[in-house]
Amino acid sequence: MEKIYSEGMESGELKAKKETALSLAEMGLPVEKIAKAVNHNVNEVQKWIDENLCAIK
């Protein structure tokens, strides 16, 4: 049960990081600064941004 809870927490934290990263990208911040702000890998943050741009188009 604790494992399921932990996985849910991690999923929620990742979702929050992604939403924050996308908001910062819309504000024009560079990917490197966004990754540092959300404490996540630059390549992964760039992937999130690219996926979001594809979804918008």
PDB file of N, CA and C in Angstrom:
ATOM      1  N   MET A   1       0.822  -1.191   0.000  1.00  0.00           N
ATOM      2  CA  MET A   1       0.000   0.000   0.000  1.00  0.00           C
ATOM      3  C   MET A   1       0.871   1.262   0.000  1.00  0.00           C
ATOM      4  N   GLU A   2       1.950   1.215   0.775  1.00  0.00           N
ATOM      5  CA  GLU A   2       2.846   2.364   0.851  1.00  0.00           C
ATOM      6  C   GLU A   2       3.522   2.619  -0.497  1.00  0.00           C
ATOM      7  N   LYS A   3       3.819   1.547  -1.219  1.00  0.00           N
ATOM      8  CA  LYS A   3       4.447   1.674  -2.542  1.00  0.00           C
ATOM      9  C   LYS A   3       3.509   2.409  -3.501  1.00  0.00           C
ATOM     10  N   ILE A   4       2.239   2.061  -3.473  1.00  0.00           N
ATOM     11  CA  ILE A   4       1.248   2.707  -4.339  1.00  0.00           C
ATOM     12  C   ILE A   4       1.146   4.188  -3.991  1.00  0.00           C
ATOM     13  N   TYR A   5       1.160   4.492  -2.703  1.00  0.00           N
ATOM     14  CA  TYR A   5       1.106   5.893  -2.258  1.00  0.00           C
ATOM     15  C   TYR A   5       2.321   6.660  -2.759  1.00  0.00           C
ATOM     16  N   SER A   6       3.497   6.062  -2.607  1.00  0.00           N
ATOM     17  CA  SER A   6       4.737   6.716  -3.033  1.00  0.00           C
ATOM     18  C   SER A   6       4.738   6.967  -4.537  1.00  0.00           C
ATOM     19  N   GLU A   7       4.272   5.988  -5.296  1.00  0.00           N
ATOM     20  CA  GLU A   7       4.211   6.150  -6.756  1.00  0.00           C
ATOM     21  C   GLU A   7       3.249   7.267  -7.137  1.00  0.00           C
ATOM     22  N   GLY A   8       2.145   7.365  -6.428  1.00  0.00           N
ATOM     23  CA  GLY A   8       1.181   8.434  -6.681  1.00  0.00           C
ATOM     24  C   GLY A   8       1.760   9.798  -6.362  1.00  0.00           C
ATOM     25  N   MET A   9       2.510   9.880  -5.288  1.00  0.00           N
ATOM     26  CA  MET A   9       3.151  11.143  -4.911  1.00  0.00           C
ATOM     27  C   MET A   9       4.170  11.554  -5.958  1.00  0.00           C
ATOM     28  N   GLU A  10       4.971  10.604  -6.419  1.00  0.00           N
ATOM     29  CA  GLU A  10       5.980  10.901  -7.441  1.00  0.00           C
ATOM     30  C   GLU A  10       5.314  11.367  -8.728  1.00  0.00           C
ATOM     31  N   SER A  11       4.230  10.726  -9.088  1.00  0.00           N
ATOM     32  CA  SER A  11       3.503  11.097 -10.300  1.00  0.00           C
ATOM     33  C   SER A  11       2.954  12.518 -10.180  1.00  0.00           C
ATOM     34  N   GLY A  12       2.414  12.840  -9.027  1.00  0.00           N
ATOM     35  CA  GLY A  12       1.882  14.177  -8.797  1.00  0.00           C
ATOM     36  C   GLY A  12       2.965  15.240  -8.813  1.00  0.00           C
ATOM     37  N   GLU A  13       4.116  14.909  -8.232  1.00  0.00           N
ATOM     38  CA  GLU A  13       5.236  15.854  -8.222  1.00  0.00           C
ATOM     39  C   GLU A  13       5.741  16.094  -9.641  1.00  0.00           C
ATOM     40  N   LEU A  14       5.819  15.044 -10.423  1.00  0.00           N
ATOM     41  CA  LEU A  14       6.281  15.176 -11.805  1.00  0.00           C
ATOM     42  C   LEU A  14       5.299  16.013 -12.620  1.00  0.00           C
ATOM     43  N   LYS A  15       4.015  15.801 -12.393  1.00  0.00           N
ATOM     44  CA  LYS A  15       2.999  16.587 -13.101  1.00  0.00           C
ATOM     45  C   LYS A  15       3.127  18.067 -12.753  1.00  0.00           C
ATOM     46  N   ALA A  16       3.362  18.361 -11.489  1.00  0.00           N
ATOM     47  CA  ALA A  16       3.524  19.749 -11.060  1.00  0.00           C
ATOM     48  C   ALA A  16       4.769  20.372 -11.685  1.00  0.00           C
ATOM     49  N   LYS A  17       5.862  19.610 -11.743  1.00  0.00           N
ATOM     50  CA  LYS A  17       7.082  20.106 -12.382  1.00  0.00           C
ATOM     51  C   LYS A  17       6.838  20.411 -13.854  1.00  0.00           C
ATOM     52  N   LYS A  18       6.127  19.513 -14.515  1.00  0.00           N
ATOM     53  CA  LYS A  18       5.853  19.695 -15.940  1.00  0.00           C
ATOM     54  C   LYS A  18       5.000  20.943 -16.173  1.00  0.00           C
ATOM     55  N   GLU A  19       3.965  21.123 -15.379  1.00  0.00           N
ATOM     56  CA  GLU A  19       3.099  22.296 -15.529  1.00  0.00           C
ATOM     57  C   GLU A  19       3.875  23.591 -15.276  1.00  0.00           C
ATOM     58  N   THR A  20       4.729  23.577 -14.268  1.00  0.00           N
ATOM     59  CA  THR A  20       5.549  24.753 -13.971  1.00  0.00           C
ATOM     60  C   THR A  20       6.507  25.032 -15.123  1.00  0.00           C
ATOM     61  N   ALA A  21       7.138  23.978 -15.629  1.00  0.00           N
ATOM     62  CA  ALA A  21       8.084  24.133 -16.735  1.00  0.00           C
ATOM     63  C   ALA A  21       7.401  24.728 -17.961  1.00  0.00           C
ATOM     64  N   LEU A  22       6.215  24.257 -18.268  1.00  0.00           N
ATOM     65  CA  LEU A  22       5.496  24.766 -19.438  1.00  0.00           C
ATOM     66  C   LEU A  22       5.105  26.232 -19.241  1.00  0.00           C
ATOM     67  N   SER A  23       4.716  26.587 -18.036  1.00  0.00           N
ATOM     68  CA  SER A  23       4.378  27.991 -17.766  1.00  0.00           C
ATOM     69  C   SER A  23       5.598  28.887 -17.914  1.00  0.00           C
ATOM     70  N   LEU A  24       6.723  28.436 -17.409  1.00  0.00           N
ATOM     71  CA  LEU A  24       7.952  29.222 -17.522  1.00  0.00           C
ATOM     72  C   LEU A  24       8.400  29.337 -18.980  1.00  0.00           C
ATOM     73  N   ALA A  25       8.186  28.279 -19.749  1.00  0.00           N
ATOM     74  CA  ALA A  25       8.542  28.317 -21.171  1.00  0.00           C
ATOM     75  C   ALA A  25       7.684  29.342 -21.904  1.00  0.00           C
ATOM     76  N   GLU A  26       6.409  29.399 -21.553  1.00  0.00           N
ATOM     77  CA  GLU A  26       5.520  30.384 -22.164  1.00  0.00           C
ATOM     78  C   GLU A  26       5.949  31.806 -21.824  1.00  0.00           C
ATOM     79  N   MET A  27       6.613  31.972 -20.690  1.00  0.00           N
ATOM     80  CA  MET A  27       7.099  33.284 -20.265  1.00  0.00           C
ATOM     81  C   MET A  27       8.419  33.636 -20.951  1.00  0.00           C
ATOM     82  N   GLY A  28       8.982  32.677 -21.680  1.00  0.00           N
ATOM     83  CA  GLY A  28      10.193  32.944 -22.444  1.00  0.00           C
ATOM     84  C   GLY A  28      11.501  32.573 -21.766  1.00  0.00           C
ATOM     85  N   LEU A  29      11.451  31.874 -20.649  1.00  0.00           N
ATOM     86  CA  LEU A  29      12.682  31.470 -19.983  1.00  0.00           C
ATOM     87  C   LEU A  29      13.405  30.391 -20.787  1.00  0.00           C
ATOM     88  N   PRO A  30      14.738  30.422 -20.789  1.00  0.00           N
ATOM     89  CA  PRO A  30      15.504  29.383 -21.482  1.00  0.00           C
ATOM     90  C   PRO A  30      15.339  28.030 -20.790  1.00  0.00           C
ATOM     91  N   VAL A  31      15.460  26.964 -21.553  1.00  0.00           N
ATOM     92  CA  VAL A  31      15.256  25.605 -21.047  1.00  0.00           C
ATOM     93  C   VAL A  31      16.183  25.300 -19.867  1.00  0.00           C
ATOM     94  N   GLU A  32      17.413  25.752 -19.936  1.00  0.00           N
ATOM     95  CA  GLU A  32      18.372  25.472 -18.863  1.00  0.00           C
ATOM     96  C   GLU A  32      17.908  26.066 -17.537  1.00  0.00           C
ATOM     97  N   LYS A  33      17.384  27.277 -17.579  1.00  0.00           N
ATOM     98  CA  LYS A  33      16.901  27.918 -16.357  1.00  0.00           C
ATOM     99  C   LYS A  33      15.626  27.233 -15.854  1.00  0.00           C
ATOM    100  N   ILE A  34      14.776  26.825 -16.782  1.00  0.00           N
ATOM    101  CA  ILE A  34      13.548  26.122 -16.393  1.00  0.00           C
ATOM    102  C   ILE A  34      13.902  24.818 -15.696  1.00  0.00           C
ATOM    103  N   ALA A  35      14.835  24.064 -16.279  1.00  0.00           N
ATOM    104  CA  ALA A  35      15.244  22.786 -15.690  1.00  0.00           C
ATOM    105  C   ALA A  35      15.798  22.992 -14.281  1.00  0.00           C
ATOM    106  N   LYS A  36      16.575  24.045 -14.111  1.00  0.00           N
ATOM    107  CA  LYS A  36      17.130  24.339 -12.792  1.00  0.00           C
ATOM    108  C   LYS A  36      16.020  24.728 -11.816  1.00  0.00           C
ATOM    109  N   ALA A  37      15.059  25.494 -12.291  1.00  0.00           N
ATOM    110  CA  ALA A  37      13.958  25.949 -11.428  1.00  0.00           C
ATOM    111  C   ALA A  37      13.100  24.785 -10.931  1.00  0.00           C
ATOM    112  N   VAL A  38      12.864  23.799 -11.798  1.00  0.00           N
ATOM    113  CA  VAL A  38      12.028  22.663 -11.403  1.00  0.00           C
ATOM    114  C   VAL A  38      12.858  21.482 -10.919  1.00  0.00           C
ATOM    115  N   ASN A  39      14.193  21.673 -10.894  1.00  0.00           N
ATOM    116  CA  ASN A  39      15.112  20.639 -10.427  1.00  0.00           C
ATOM    117  C   ASN A  39      14.916  19.323 -11.194  1.00  0.00           C
ATOM    118  N   HIS A  40      15.040  19.438 -12.523  1.00  0.00           N
ATOM    119  CA  HIS A  40      14.834  18.274 -13.381  1.00  0.00           C
ATOM    120  C   HIS A  40      15.816  18.328 -14.547  1.00  0.00           C
ATOM    121  N   ASN A  41      15.962  17.232 -15.231  1.00  0.00           N
ATOM    122  CA  ASN A  41      16.883  17.078 -16.350  1.00  0.00           C
ATOM    123  C   ASN A  41      16.516  17.995 -17.520  1.00  0.00           C
ATOM    124  N   VAL A  42      17.517  18.671 -18.097  1.00  0.00           N
ATOM    125  CA  VAL A  42      17.297  19.607 -19.204  1.00  0.00           C
ATOM    126  C   VAL A  42      16.665  18.909 -20.404  1.00  0.00           C
ATOM    127  N   ASN A  43      17.144  17.722 -20.742  1.00  0.00           N
ATOM    128  CA  ASN A  43      16.611  17.001 -21.904  1.00  0.00           C
ATOM    129  C   ASN A  43      15.135  16.646 -21.720  1.00  0.00           C
ATOM    130  N   GLU A  44      14.783  16.249 -20.514  1.00  0.00           N
ATOM    131  CA  GLU A  44      13.390  15.898 -20.226  1.00  0.00           C
ATOM    132  C   GLU A  44      12.492  17.135 -20.300  1.00  0.00           C
ATOM    133  N   VAL A  45      12.972  18.246 -19.768  1.00  0.00           N
ATOM    134  CA  VAL A  45      12.203  19.496 -19.814  1.00  0.00           C
ATOM    135  C   VAL A  45      12.010  19.923 -21.270  1.00  0.00           C
ATOM    136  N   GLN A  46      13.052  19.811 -22.074  1.00  0.00           N
ATOM    137  CA  GLN A  46      12.935  20.160 -23.489  1.00  0.00           C
ATOM    138  C   GLN A  46      11.899  19.270 -24.170  1.00  0.00           C
ATOM    139  N   LYS A  47      11.879  17.998 -23.808  1.00  0.00           N
ATOM    140  CA  LYS A  47      10.900  17.054 -24.364  1.00  0.00           C
ATOM    141  C   LYS A  47       9.475  17.486 -24.008  1.00  0.00           C
ATOM    142  N   TRP A  48       9.262  17.893 -22.760  1.00  0.00           N
ATOM    143  CA  TRP A  48       7.937  18.359 -22.331  1.00  0.00           C
ATOM    144  C   TRP A  48       7.500  19.552 -23.158  1.00  0.00           C
ATOM    145  N   ILE A  49       8.418  20.485 -23.339  1.00  0.00           N
ATOM    146  CA  ILE A  49       8.104  21.707 -24.087  1.00  0.00           C
ATOM    147  C   ILE A  49       7.778  21.370 -25.539  1.00  0.00           C
ATOM    148  N   ASP A  50       8.597  20.509 -26.145  1.00  0.00           N
ATOM    149  CA  ASP A  50       8.365  20.104 -27.532  1.00  0.00           C
ATOM    150  C   ASP A  50       7.019  19.400 -27.694  1.00  0.00           C
ATOM    151  N   GLU A  51       6.696  18.526 -26.747  1.00  0.00           N
ATOM    152  CA  GLU A  51       5.417  17.811 -26.804  1.00  0.00           C
ATOM    153  C   GLU A  51       4.255  18.790 -26.694  1.00  0.00           C
ATOM    154  N   ASN A  52       4.397  19.769 -25.842  1.00  0.00           N
ATOM    155  CA  ASN A  52       3.345  20.759 -25.651  1.00  0.00           C
ATOM    156  C   ASN A  52       3.161  21.604 -26.898  1.00  0.00           C
ATOM    157  N   LEU A  53       4.255  21.980 -27.540  1.00  0.00           N
ATOM    158  CA  LEU A  53       4.156  22.772 -28.776  1.00  0.00           C
ATOM    159  C   LEU A  53       3.480  21.975 -29.868  1.00  0.00           C
ATOM    160  N   CYS A  54       3.770  20.670 -29.955  1.00  0.00           N
ATOM    161  CA  CYS A  54       3.142  19.817 -30.977  1.00  0.00           C
ATOM    162  C   CYS A  54       1.631  19.698 -30.709  1.00  0.00           C
ATOM    163  N   ALA A  55       1.264  19.620 -29.442  1.00  0.00           N
ATOM    164  CA  ALA A  55      -0.148  19.494 -29.085  1.00  0.00           C
ATOM    165  C   ALA A  55      -0.931  20.761 -29.408  1.00  0.00           C
ATOM    166  N   ILE A  56      -0.271  21.901 -29.314  1.00  0.00           N
ATOM    167  CA  ILE A  56      -0.933  23.179 -29.583  1.00  0.00           C
ATOM    168  C   ILE A  56      -1.175  23.372 -31.077  1.00  0.00           C
ATOM    169  N   LYS A  57      -0.229  22.923 -31.893  1.00  0.00           N
ATOM    170  CA  LYS A  57      -0.324  23.135 -33.340  1.00  0.00           C
ATOM    171  C   LYS A  57      -1.382  22.342 -33.978  1.00  0.00           C
TER     172      LYS A  57
END
